[in-house]
N, C-alpha and C. Protein backbone atom coordinates (compact mmCIF):
# COMPACT_ATOMS: atom_id res chain seq x y z
N SER A 1 90.14 107.77 123.42
CA SER A 1 91.03 108.93 122.69
C SER A 1 89.62 110.13 122.05
N LYS A 2 88.50 108.55 121.74
CA LYS A 2 86.70 109.35 120.58
C LYS A 2 86.30 110.00 122.22
N ILE A 3 86.43 109.67 123.46
CA ILE A 3 85.81 110.05 123.99
C ILE A 3 85.87 111.10 124.56
N ILE A 4 87.35 111.36 124.92
CA ILE A 4 87.73 112.52 125.05
C ILE A 4 87.74 113.68 124.06
N LEU A 5 87.39 113.37 122.73
CA LEU A 5 87.73 114.21 121.72
C LEU A 5 86.09 114.74 121.98
N GLN A 6 85.13 114.12 121.99
CA GLN A 6 83.13 114.43 121.94
C GLN A 6 83.47 115.60 123.20
N TYR A 7 84.31 114.97 124.51
CA TYR A 7 84.49 116.02 125.42
C TYR A 7 84.60 116.98 125.11
N LEU A 8 85.90 117.18 124.49
CA LEU A 8 86.91 118.81 124.09
C LEU A 8 86.04 119.35 123.17
N ALA A 9 85.55 118.68 122.28
CA ALA A 9 84.38 119.84 120.77
C ALA A 9 83.37 120.02 121.65
N HIS A 10 82.87 119.56 122.40
CA HIS A 10 81.43 119.69 123.60
C HIS A 10 81.68 120.99 124.27
N ALA A 11 82.95 121.27 124.85
CA ALA A 11 83.25 122.06 125.97
C ALA A 11 83.65 122.76 124.79
N ALA A 12 84.11 122.86 124.08
CA ALA A 12 85.02 124.31 123.21
C ALA A 12 83.61 124.88 122.35
N THR A 13 82.31 123.93 122.68
CA THR A 13 81.71 124.82 121.74
C THR A 13 80.09 125.34 122.52
N SER A 14 80.55 125.12 123.90
CA SER A 14 78.81 125.33 125.17
C SER A 14 78.96 126.63 125.34
N SER A 15 80.14 127.18 124.80
CA SER A 15 80.54 128.73 125.20
C SER A 15 80.27 129.41 124.25
N GLY A 16 79.52 129.14 122.49
CA GLY A 16 78.89 129.53 121.75
C GLY A 16 78.97 129.20 120.86
N ALA A 17 79.02 129.10 119.49
CA ALA A 17 78.79 128.64 118.05
C ALA A 17 80.74 128.01 117.49
N GLY A 18 80.38 127.18 117.02
CA GLY A 18 81.58 126.77 116.99
C GLY A 18 81.84 126.82 115.48
N SER A 19 83.43 126.32 115.30
CA SER A 19 84.05 126.59 113.65
C SER A 19 83.45 125.76 112.57
N GLY A 20 82.81 124.55 113.70
CA GLY A 20 82.91 123.29 112.33
C GLY A 20 84.06 122.47 112.74
N LEU A 21 85.10 123.46 112.79
CA LEU A 21 86.35 122.30 112.70
C LEU A 21 86.29 121.47 114.18
N GLU A 22 85.39 121.11 115.43
CA GLU A 22 85.53 120.65 116.15
C GLU A 22 84.35 119.17 115.85
N GLY A 23 83.33 118.86 114.42
CA GLY A 23 83.07 118.71 113.67
C GLY A 23 83.94 117.34 112.59
N ARG A 24 84.85 118.21 112.86
CA ARG A 24 85.62 117.21 111.42
C ARG A 24 86.29 117.05 111.85
N ILE A 25 86.78 116.80 113.75
CA ILE A 25 88.24 116.31 113.95
C ILE A 25 87.54 115.36 114.61
N ILE A 26 86.08 115.35 115.14
CA ILE A 26 86.21 113.93 115.67
C ILE A 26 85.37 112.77 114.19
N ALA A 27 84.59 113.69 112.88
CA ALA A 27 84.51 113.06 112.22
C ALA A 27 85.99 112.63 111.31
N SER A 28 86.97 113.14 112.02
CA SER A 28 88.30 111.72 111.70
C SER A 28 88.69 110.39 112.40
N THR A 29 88.33 110.76 112.97
CA THR A 29 88.43 108.79 114.07
C THR A 29 87.77 108.21 113.28
N PRO A 30 86.55 107.92 112.85
CA PRO A 30 86.17 106.55 111.89
C PRO A 30 86.52 106.40 110.71
N VAL A 31 87.25 107.73 109.96
CA VAL A 31 88.60 107.12 109.15
C VAL A 31 89.88 106.57 109.27
N LEU A 32 90.18 107.14 110.77
CA LEU A 32 91.61 106.95 111.08
C LEU A 32 91.06 105.13 111.42
N GLU A 33 90.10 105.37 111.84
CA GLU A 33 89.95 103.68 112.39
C GLU A 33 89.42 102.75 111.19
N ALA A 34 88.48 103.01 110.20
CA ALA A 34 88.46 102.34 108.73
C ALA A 34 89.95 101.93 108.24
N PHE A 35 90.98 102.96 107.76
CA PHE A 35 92.11 102.57 106.97
C PHE A 35 93.42 101.97 108.35
N GLY A 36 93.41 101.98 109.55
CA GLY A 36 94.37 101.59 110.31
C GLY A 36 94.02 100.91 111.51
N ASN A 37 92.85 100.59 111.60
CA ASN A 37 92.86 99.32 112.47
C ASN A 37 92.06 97.96 112.19
N ALA A 38 92.38 97.41 112.74
CA ALA A 38 91.78 95.58 111.87
C ALA A 38 91.58 94.79 113.22
N GLN A 39 90.80 93.39 112.96
CA GLN A 39 90.19 92.46 113.63
C GLN A 39 91.56 91.96 114.41
N THR A 40 92.17 91.36 115.43
CA THR A 40 92.96 90.60 116.13
C THR A 40 92.09 89.72 116.75
N HIS A 41 92.61 88.89 117.47
CA HIS A 41 92.39 88.04 118.20
C HIS A 41 92.02 88.16 119.59
N MET A 42 93.04 89.78 120.01
CA MET A 42 92.50 90.22 121.07
C MET A 42 91.82 91.11 121.05
N ASN A 43 91.54 92.21 120.03
CA ASN A 43 90.32 92.79 120.39
C ASN A 43 89.83 93.32 118.56
N ASP A 44 88.43 93.71 118.72
CA ASP A 44 87.92 93.63 116.90
C ASP A 44 88.18 95.10 116.70
N ASN A 45 88.59 95.56 116.76
CA ASN A 45 88.95 97.72 116.60
C ASN A 45 90.40 97.54 116.97
N SER A 46 90.80 96.84 116.81
CA SER A 46 92.52 96.92 117.08
C SER A 46 93.72 98.13 116.35
N SER A 47 93.48 99.00 116.85
CA SER A 47 94.52 99.95 115.96
C SER A 47 96.11 99.36 116.00
N ARG A 48 95.94 99.63 114.35
CA ARG A 48 97.72 98.83 114.04
C ARG A 48 98.20 100.03 113.92
N TYR A 49 98.43 101.09 114.46
CA TYR A 49 99.54 102.29 114.01
C TYR A 49 99.40 103.60 115.50
N GLY A 50 100.38 104.43 115.62
CA GLY A 50 99.99 105.39 116.70
C GLY A 50 99.26 106.47 116.23
N LYS A 51 98.71 107.60 116.84
CA LYS A 51 98.45 108.54 116.58
C LYS A 51 98.28 109.84 117.76
N PHE A 52 99.11 110.99 117.66
CA PHE A 52 99.33 111.60 117.95
C PHE A 52 98.50 113.12 117.97
N LEU A 53 97.42 113.71 118.31
CA LEU A 53 96.67 114.57 118.11
C LEU A 53 97.13 115.85 118.91
N MET A 54 97.13 116.92 118.17
CA MET A 54 97.56 118.75 118.92
C MET A 54 96.51 118.93 118.62
N LEU A 55 95.87 119.68 119.48
CA LEU A 55 94.93 120.58 119.49
C LEU A 55 94.77 122.18 119.54
N GLN A 56 94.68 123.12 119.35
CA GLN A 56 95.11 124.39 119.45
C GLN A 56 93.62 124.72 120.12
N PHE A 57 93.51 125.88 121.18
CA PHE A 57 92.65 126.43 121.63
C PHE A 57 93.07 127.90 121.37
N ASP A 58 92.45 128.99 121.82
CA ASP A 58 92.00 129.97 121.64
C ASP A 58 92.12 130.63 123.24
N VAL A 59 91.99 131.71 123.36
CA VAL A 59 91.64 132.03 125.06
C VAL A 59 91.00 131.42 125.29
N SER A 60 89.24 131.90 124.88
CA SER A 60 88.35 131.55 125.73
C SER A 60 87.84 130.27 126.06
N GLY A 61 89.13 129.14 124.89
CA GLY A 61 88.49 127.83 124.71
C GLY A 61 87.83 127.22 123.86
N LYS A 62 87.65 127.66 122.70
CA LYS A 62 87.31 127.43 121.31
C LYS A 62 88.34 126.73 120.75
N ILE A 63 88.50 125.83 120.27
CA ILE A 63 88.98 125.16 118.46
C ILE A 63 89.23 125.57 117.83
N ILE A 64 90.68 126.00 117.41
CA ILE A 64 90.95 127.14 116.48
C ILE A 64 92.17 126.55 114.84
N GLY A 65 92.33 124.99 115.64
CA GLY A 65 93.28 124.18 115.02
C GLY A 65 93.48 123.21 115.31
N ALA A 66 94.23 122.20 115.11
CA ALA A 66 94.15 120.33 114.92
C ALA A 66 95.41 120.16 113.98
N SER A 67 96.29 118.79 114.45
CA SER A 67 96.72 118.86 113.70
C SER A 67 97.18 117.07 114.25
N ILE A 68 97.22 115.90 113.18
CA ILE A 68 97.03 114.62 113.41
C ILE A 68 98.11 114.23 112.85
N SER A 69 99.36 113.54 113.65
CA SER A 69 99.85 113.07 113.01
C SER A 69 100.16 111.11 113.18
N THR A 70 100.29 110.39 112.28
CA THR A 70 100.19 108.78 112.47
C THR A 70 101.38 108.43 111.68
N TYR A 71 101.64 107.25 113.15
CA TYR A 71 103.03 106.83 112.67
C TYR A 71 103.26 105.27 112.87
N LEU A 72 103.84 104.40 112.44
CA LEU A 72 104.50 103.02 112.68
C LEU A 72 103.01 102.34 112.13
N LEU A 73 102.36 102.23 110.89
CA LEU A 73 101.25 101.90 110.64
C LEU A 73 101.88 100.32 109.91
N GLU A 74 101.26 99.37 110.54
CA GLU A 74 101.62 97.88 110.39
C GLU A 74 101.60 97.85 109.34
N LYS A 75 102.23 97.97 108.08
CA LYS A 75 102.15 97.95 106.55
C LYS A 75 102.47 96.72 106.30
N SER A 76 102.94 95.47 106.70
CA SER A 76 102.54 94.07 107.03
C SER A 76 101.29 93.86 106.55
N ARG A 77 100.38 94.04 107.27
CA ARG A 77 99.13 93.39 107.36
C ARG A 77 98.72 93.28 106.29
N VAL A 78 98.74 94.69 105.43
CA VAL A 78 97.99 94.65 104.18
C VAL A 78 98.52 92.80 102.89
N ILE A 79 99.64 92.69 103.34
CA ILE A 79 99.72 91.37 102.35
C ILE A 79 100.09 90.30 103.46
N SER A 80 99.71 90.44 104.65
CA SER A 80 99.72 88.93 105.46
C SER A 80 99.51 89.44 106.76
N HIS A 81 98.34 88.47 107.34
CA HIS A 81 98.37 88.78 108.72
C HIS A 81 97.77 87.48 109.14
N THR A 82 97.89 87.10 110.55
CA THR A 82 97.53 85.85 111.13
C THR A 82 96.32 85.18 110.82
N ALA A 83 96.47 84.18 111.17
CA ALA A 83 95.01 83.19 110.80
C ALA A 83 93.84 83.89 111.97
N GLY A 84 92.46 83.91 111.67
CA GLY A 84 91.76 84.12 112.69
C GLY A 84 91.80 85.52 113.04
N GLU A 85 92.59 85.95 111.99
CA GLU A 85 92.67 87.83 112.16
C GLU A 85 91.79 88.40 110.42
N ARG A 86 91.97 89.69 110.82
CA ARG A 86 91.41 90.01 109.56
C ARG A 86 92.64 91.21 108.88
N ASN A 87 92.42 91.83 107.88
CA ASN A 87 93.57 92.92 107.24
C ASN A 87 92.20 94.09 108.04
N TYR A 88 92.96 95.93 107.11
CA TYR A 88 92.10 96.69 107.74
C TYR A 88 90.89 96.37 106.65
N HIS A 89 90.03 97.27 108.10
CA HIS A 89 88.54 97.18 107.79
C HIS A 89 88.06 97.67 106.89
N SER A 90 88.59 99.02 105.99
CA SER A 90 88.41 99.01 104.80
C SER A 90 88.62 98.71 103.44
N PHE A 91 89.18 97.26 103.24
CA PHE A 91 88.99 95.87 102.53
C PHE A 91 87.79 95.48 102.74
N TYR A 92 87.21 95.38 104.22
CA TYR A 92 86.07 94.35 103.89
C TYR A 92 85.30 95.41 103.82
N GLN A 93 85.15 96.99 104.23
CA GLN A 93 83.74 97.91 104.19
C GLN A 93 83.64 97.96 102.61
N LEU A 94 84.73 98.08 101.69
CA LEU A 94 84.55 98.03 100.44
C LEU A 94 84.01 96.88 99.52
N CYS A 95 84.44 96.32 100.01
CA CYS A 95 83.65 94.76 99.55
C CYS A 95 81.99 94.74 99.77
N ALA A 96 81.78 95.28 100.54
CA ALA A 96 80.16 95.26 101.60
C ALA A 96 79.85 96.09 100.87
N SER A 97 80.23 97.22 100.10
CA SER A 97 79.93 98.68 99.86
C SER A 97 79.15 98.63 98.68
N GLY A 98 78.46 97.33 98.07
CA GLY A 98 77.52 97.36 97.16
C GLY A 98 77.63 97.77 95.66
N GLN A 99 77.39 99.06 95.70
CA GLN A 99 77.50 100.09 94.64
C GLN A 99 78.59 100.21 93.71
N THR A 100 79.56 101.36 94.71
CA THR A 100 80.29 101.53 95.56
C THR A 100 81.48 100.05 94.71
N ALA A 101 81.79 99.20 95.43
CA ALA A 101 82.07 97.75 95.17
C ALA A 101 82.32 97.70 93.50
N SER A 102 80.75 97.68 93.34
CA SER A 102 81.04 97.31 91.68
C SER A 102 81.29 98.12 90.88
N ALA A 103 81.25 99.51 91.20
CA ALA A 103 81.97 100.49 90.13
C ALA A 103 83.69 100.30 90.34
N VAL A 104 84.22 99.38 91.27
CA VAL A 104 85.79 99.50 91.00
C VAL A 104 85.88 98.25 90.88
N GLY A 105 84.99 97.34 90.72
CA GLY A 105 85.44 96.05 90.17
C GLY A 105 85.63 95.41 91.03
N VAL A 106 84.89 95.56 92.54
CA VAL A 106 85.60 94.70 93.99
C VAL A 106 84.33 93.75 94.19
N GLY A 107 84.40 92.14 94.41
CA GLY A 107 83.47 91.69 95.03
C GLY A 107 83.50 91.24 96.46
N ALA A 108 82.80 90.08 96.65
CA ALA A 108 83.28 89.83 97.95
C ALA A 108 84.13 89.35 98.58
N ALA A 109 84.60 89.34 99.88
CA ALA A 109 86.00 89.68 100.61
C ALA A 109 86.40 88.10 100.03
N ASP A 110 85.67 87.34 100.45
CA ASP A 110 86.38 85.98 100.17
C ASP A 110 87.47 85.54 99.03
N LYS A 111 87.18 87.07 97.45
CA LYS A 111 87.27 86.89 96.51
C LYS A 111 89.31 86.89 96.06
N TYR A 112 89.50 87.24 97.43
CA TYR A 112 91.26 87.95 97.77
C TYR A 112 92.22 87.43 98.90
N ARG A 113 93.18 87.07 97.73
CA ARG A 113 93.97 86.83 98.98
C ARG A 113 94.14 87.47 100.11
N LEU A 114 94.33 88.85 100.04
CA LEU A 114 94.93 89.74 101.03
C LEU A 114 93.74 89.63 102.48
N LEU A 115 92.75 89.41 102.30
CA LEU A 115 92.09 89.43 102.86
C LEU A 115 91.93 87.87 103.78
N GLY A 116 92.47 86.51 102.87
CA GLY A 116 92.64 85.67 103.20
C GLY A 116 91.39 85.14 104.06
N LYS A 117 91.46 83.76 105.01
CA LYS A 117 89.70 83.75 105.93
C LYS A 117 89.31 84.96 106.63
N GLY A 118 90.31 86.15 106.95
CA GLY A 118 89.18 87.34 107.52
C GLY A 118 88.09 87.50 107.16
N GLU A 119 86.75 86.94 108.00
CA GLU A 119 85.64 86.88 106.99
C GLU A 119 85.00 88.18 107.21
N ALA A 120 84.16 88.46 106.16
CA ALA A 120 83.70 90.11 106.12
C ALA A 120 82.27 89.86 107.29
N LEU A 121 81.99 90.83 108.05
CA LEU A 121 81.13 91.25 108.88
C LEU A 121 79.61 91.74 108.80
N ARG A 122 78.78 91.20 109.37
CA ARG A 122 77.98 92.07 109.15
C ARG A 122 77.25 93.27 109.38
N ASP A 123 77.79 94.03 109.79
CA ASP A 123 77.77 95.55 110.29
C ASP A 123 78.70 96.46 108.70
N ASP A 124 79.57 95.75 108.53
CA ASP A 124 80.79 96.52 106.95
C ASP A 124 80.03 97.01 106.02
N PRO A 125 78.64 97.07 105.82
CA PRO A 125 77.48 98.06 104.86
C PRO A 125 77.71 98.87 106.03
N GLU A 126 77.45 98.80 106.87
CA GLU A 126 76.83 100.02 107.81
C GLU A 126 78.21 100.86 108.08
N LEU A 127 79.09 100.10 108.24
CA LEU A 127 80.59 100.75 108.31
C LEU A 127 80.93 101.57 107.14
N PHE A 128 80.68 101.11 106.35
CA PHE A 128 81.11 101.43 104.76
C PHE A 128 80.61 103.01 105.10
N ALA A 129 79.11 102.46 104.99
CA ALA A 129 78.45 104.06 105.04
C ALA A 129 79.22 105.42 106.15
N GLN A 130 79.62 104.91 107.26
CA GLN A 130 79.65 105.96 107.80
C GLN A 130 80.81 106.49 107.99
N THR A 131 82.19 105.37 107.04
CA THR A 131 83.38 105.97 106.60
C THR A 131 83.49 106.80 105.59
N GLU A 132 82.58 106.97 104.78
CA GLU A 132 82.04 107.37 103.54
C GLU A 132 82.04 109.11 104.00
N ALA A 133 80.37 108.91 104.68
CA ALA A 133 80.40 109.99 105.68
C ALA A 133 81.37 111.08 106.58
N ALA A 134 82.35 110.23 107.23
CA ALA A 134 83.46 110.40 107.64
C ALA A 134 84.40 111.65 106.72
N LEU A 135 84.45 110.63 105.74
CA LEU A 135 85.29 111.60 104.34
C LEU A 135 84.97 112.47 103.81
N ILE A 136 83.37 112.42 103.66
CA ILE A 136 82.64 113.85 103.20
C ILE A 136 82.77 115.27 104.54
N ASP A 137 82.60 115.00 105.19
CA ASP A 137 82.59 115.53 106.47
C ASP A 137 84.53 115.94 106.76
N VAL A 138 85.54 115.11 106.56
CA VAL A 138 86.63 116.01 107.26
C VAL A 138 87.07 116.56 106.06
N GLY A 139 86.10 116.64 104.65
CA GLY A 139 86.57 116.88 103.15
C GLY A 139 87.18 116.94 101.90
N PHE A 140 86.97 115.43 101.99
CA PHE A 140 87.36 114.15 101.00
C PHE A 140 85.85 115.08 99.77
N GLY A 141 86.09 115.44 98.67
CA GLY A 141 85.30 115.60 97.94
C GLY A 141 85.00 114.41 97.05
N GLU A 142 83.66 114.49 96.21
CA GLU A 142 83.26 112.90 95.27
C GLU A 142 84.60 112.16 94.75
N GLY A 143 86.09 113.10 93.43
CA GLY A 143 86.68 112.31 92.98
C GLY A 143 87.79 112.45 93.81
N ASP A 144 87.89 112.50 95.51
CA ASP A 144 88.91 111.75 96.02
C ASP A 144 88.60 110.21 96.60
N ARG A 145 87.69 110.53 96.97
CA ARG A 145 86.63 109.26 97.62
C ARG A 145 86.74 108.55 96.45
N GLU A 146 86.51 108.70 95.46
CA GLU A 146 86.15 107.91 94.05
C GLU A 146 87.68 107.29 93.92
N ALA A 147 88.81 108.21 94.43
CA ALA A 147 90.07 107.53 94.11
C ALA A 147 90.28 106.53 95.24
N THR A 148 90.39 106.63 96.14
CA THR A 148 90.46 106.45 97.31
C THR A 148 90.11 104.96 97.48
N TRP A 149 88.50 104.84 96.97
CA TRP A 149 88.06 103.30 96.87
C TRP A 149 88.53 102.41 95.34
N ARG A 150 89.43 103.55 94.49
CA ARG A 150 89.48 102.52 93.04
C ARG A 150 91.09 101.90 93.67
N LEU A 151 91.91 103.17 94.71
CA LEU A 151 93.48 102.38 94.96
C LEU A 151 92.78 101.24 95.85
N LEU A 152 91.97 100.79 96.64
CA LEU A 152 92.10 100.15 97.84
C LEU A 152 91.88 98.69 96.89
N GLY A 153 90.88 99.16 95.44
CA GLY A 153 90.58 98.10 95.20
C GLY A 153 91.41 97.67 94.26
N ALA A 154 92.19 98.34 93.51
CA ALA A 154 93.56 98.01 92.88
C ALA A 154 94.34 96.87 93.62
N VAL A 155 94.77 97.83 94.92
CA VAL A 155 95.80 96.71 96.30
C VAL A 155 94.98 94.88 96.30
N LEU A 156 93.76 95.33 96.14
CA LEU A 156 92.94 93.85 96.20
C LEU A 156 93.09 92.68 95.08
N GLN A 157 93.35 93.25 94.33
CA GLN A 157 93.11 92.79 92.57
C GLN A 157 94.42 92.87 92.33
N MET A 158 95.66 93.12 92.84
CA MET A 158 96.73 93.12 92.99
C MET A 158 97.34 91.84 93.36
N GLY A 159 96.64 91.69 95.17
CA GLY A 159 96.99 91.17 95.52
C GLY A 159 96.67 89.39 95.09
N ASN A 160 95.85 89.31 93.73
CA ASN A 160 95.22 87.79 93.28
C ASN A 160 95.85 87.81 92.48
N VAL A 161 97.69 88.59 91.54
CA VAL A 161 98.17 88.72 90.75
C VAL A 161 99.18 86.98 90.89
N THR A 162 99.14 86.75 89.66
CA THR A 162 100.55 85.74 90.65
C THR A 162 101.50 84.96 89.23
N PHE A 163 102.55 85.06 89.63
CA PHE A 163 103.63 84.67 88.87
C PHE A 163 104.30 83.73 88.55
N GLY A 164 104.65 83.75 87.07
CA GLY A 164 104.84 82.11 86.78
C GLY A 164 106.22 82.04 85.89
N ALA A 165 107.04 80.42 85.62
CA ALA A 165 108.43 81.09 85.22
C ALA A 165 108.12 81.17 83.73
N ASP A 166 108.52 81.98 82.36
CA ASP A 166 109.39 81.57 81.36
C ASP A 166 110.28 81.93 80.96
N PRO A 167 110.84 80.79 79.88
CA PRO A 167 112.38 80.39 79.69
C PRO A 167 112.63 81.75 78.83
N GLU A 168 111.97 82.72 78.58
CA GLU A 168 112.13 83.75 78.03
C GLU A 168 112.87 85.16 78.60
N ALA A 169 112.33 84.91 80.42
CA ALA A 169 112.48 85.87 81.21
C ALA A 169 112.33 85.07 82.55
N GLU A 170 112.67 86.00 83.49
CA GLU A 170 112.34 85.79 84.39
C GLU A 170 111.72 85.37 85.76
N SER A 171 110.37 86.30 84.91
CA SER A 171 108.95 85.97 85.56
C SER A 171 108.06 86.28 84.73
N VAL A 172 106.82 85.66 84.52
CA VAL A 172 105.78 86.14 83.59
C VAL A 172 104.48 86.33 84.37
N VAL A 173 103.88 87.32 84.49
CA VAL A 173 102.22 87.42 85.24
C VAL A 173 101.32 86.47 84.29
N GLN A 174 100.72 85.90 85.46
CA GLN A 174 99.95 84.43 84.69
C GLN A 174 98.64 85.19 84.34
N GLU A 175 97.80 85.99 85.55
CA GLU A 175 96.64 87.01 84.88
C GLU A 175 96.68 88.23 84.43
N GLU A 176 96.60 88.54 82.79
CA GLU A 176 96.82 89.14 81.88
C GLU A 176 95.85 90.20 82.19
N PRO A 177 94.78 89.95 82.22
CA PRO A 177 93.40 91.05 82.40
C PRO A 177 93.51 90.86 84.08
N LEU A 178 93.79 90.28 84.92
CA LEU A 178 93.70 91.42 86.36
C LEU A 178 94.86 92.00 86.37
N LEU A 179 96.22 92.08 85.85
CA LEU A 179 96.98 93.11 85.51
C LEU A 179 96.22 94.37 85.56
N SER A 180 95.48 94.02 84.20
CA SER A 180 94.83 94.92 83.28
C SER A 180 93.87 96.22 84.38
N ALA A 181 93.25 95.27 84.29
CA ALA A 181 92.05 95.75 85.89
C ALA A 181 92.67 96.45 86.92
N VAL A 182 93.75 96.09 88.09
CA VAL A 182 94.60 96.85 88.52
C VAL A 182 95.01 98.24 87.82
N ALA A 183 96.03 98.23 86.72
CA ALA A 183 96.03 99.21 85.74
C ALA A 183 95.25 100.37 86.00
N SER A 184 94.12 99.92 85.18
CA SER A 184 92.55 100.68 85.28
C SER A 184 92.40 101.50 86.09
N LEU A 185 91.98 100.70 87.65
CA LEU A 185 91.63 101.62 88.50
C LEU A 185 92.75 102.71 89.53
N ALA A 186 94.03 102.19 89.17
CA ALA A 186 95.20 102.62 89.08
C ALA A 186 95.01 104.15 88.49
N LYS A 187 94.76 104.37 87.32
CA LYS A 187 94.73 105.31 86.44
C LYS A 187 96.12 105.29 86.07
N THR A 188 96.81 104.27 85.79
CA THR A 188 98.42 104.01 84.65
C THR A 188 97.52 103.07 83.38
N ASP A 189 96.83 103.05 82.96
CA ASP A 189 96.63 102.06 81.42
C ASP A 189 96.85 102.54 80.45
């Protein structure tokens, strides 16, 4: 679909100046891949969702509108994936992002239970930069991007929270500081 989108965007702008919408449509691909694709045994960039893209053209062939619907996201992958596979790319990209990872209190990918044995890849820092640029291109402001990475960091931290037995309650959180970090990242503290 990426190649078809590039062709349609090129064809739609070859007759005159484009509206910028074409670029935003193409930029949506890295965003959808980061948050919806994962490495599996069969494919390093396997889509874990379905996508329906509807493009609207005017009579001259210029793109005047677009709608992307996603469905059937494999939500269970967030908490569990098969050995030898990875969780969604965005988690590893965040862990490898350097300054952004530090800002949201995230470390190396191997520190998080939700990422299991899924190893970070050499190109995760570069892919993070591409995802960040694509988020800007599709219209995410700085606050939206920061909130997105904070929430991913909160999910990673929450995956490390464990619970134990307490004679006065059914269960108790074992790592109070970790839970406080999650609350802070989610802005619920």
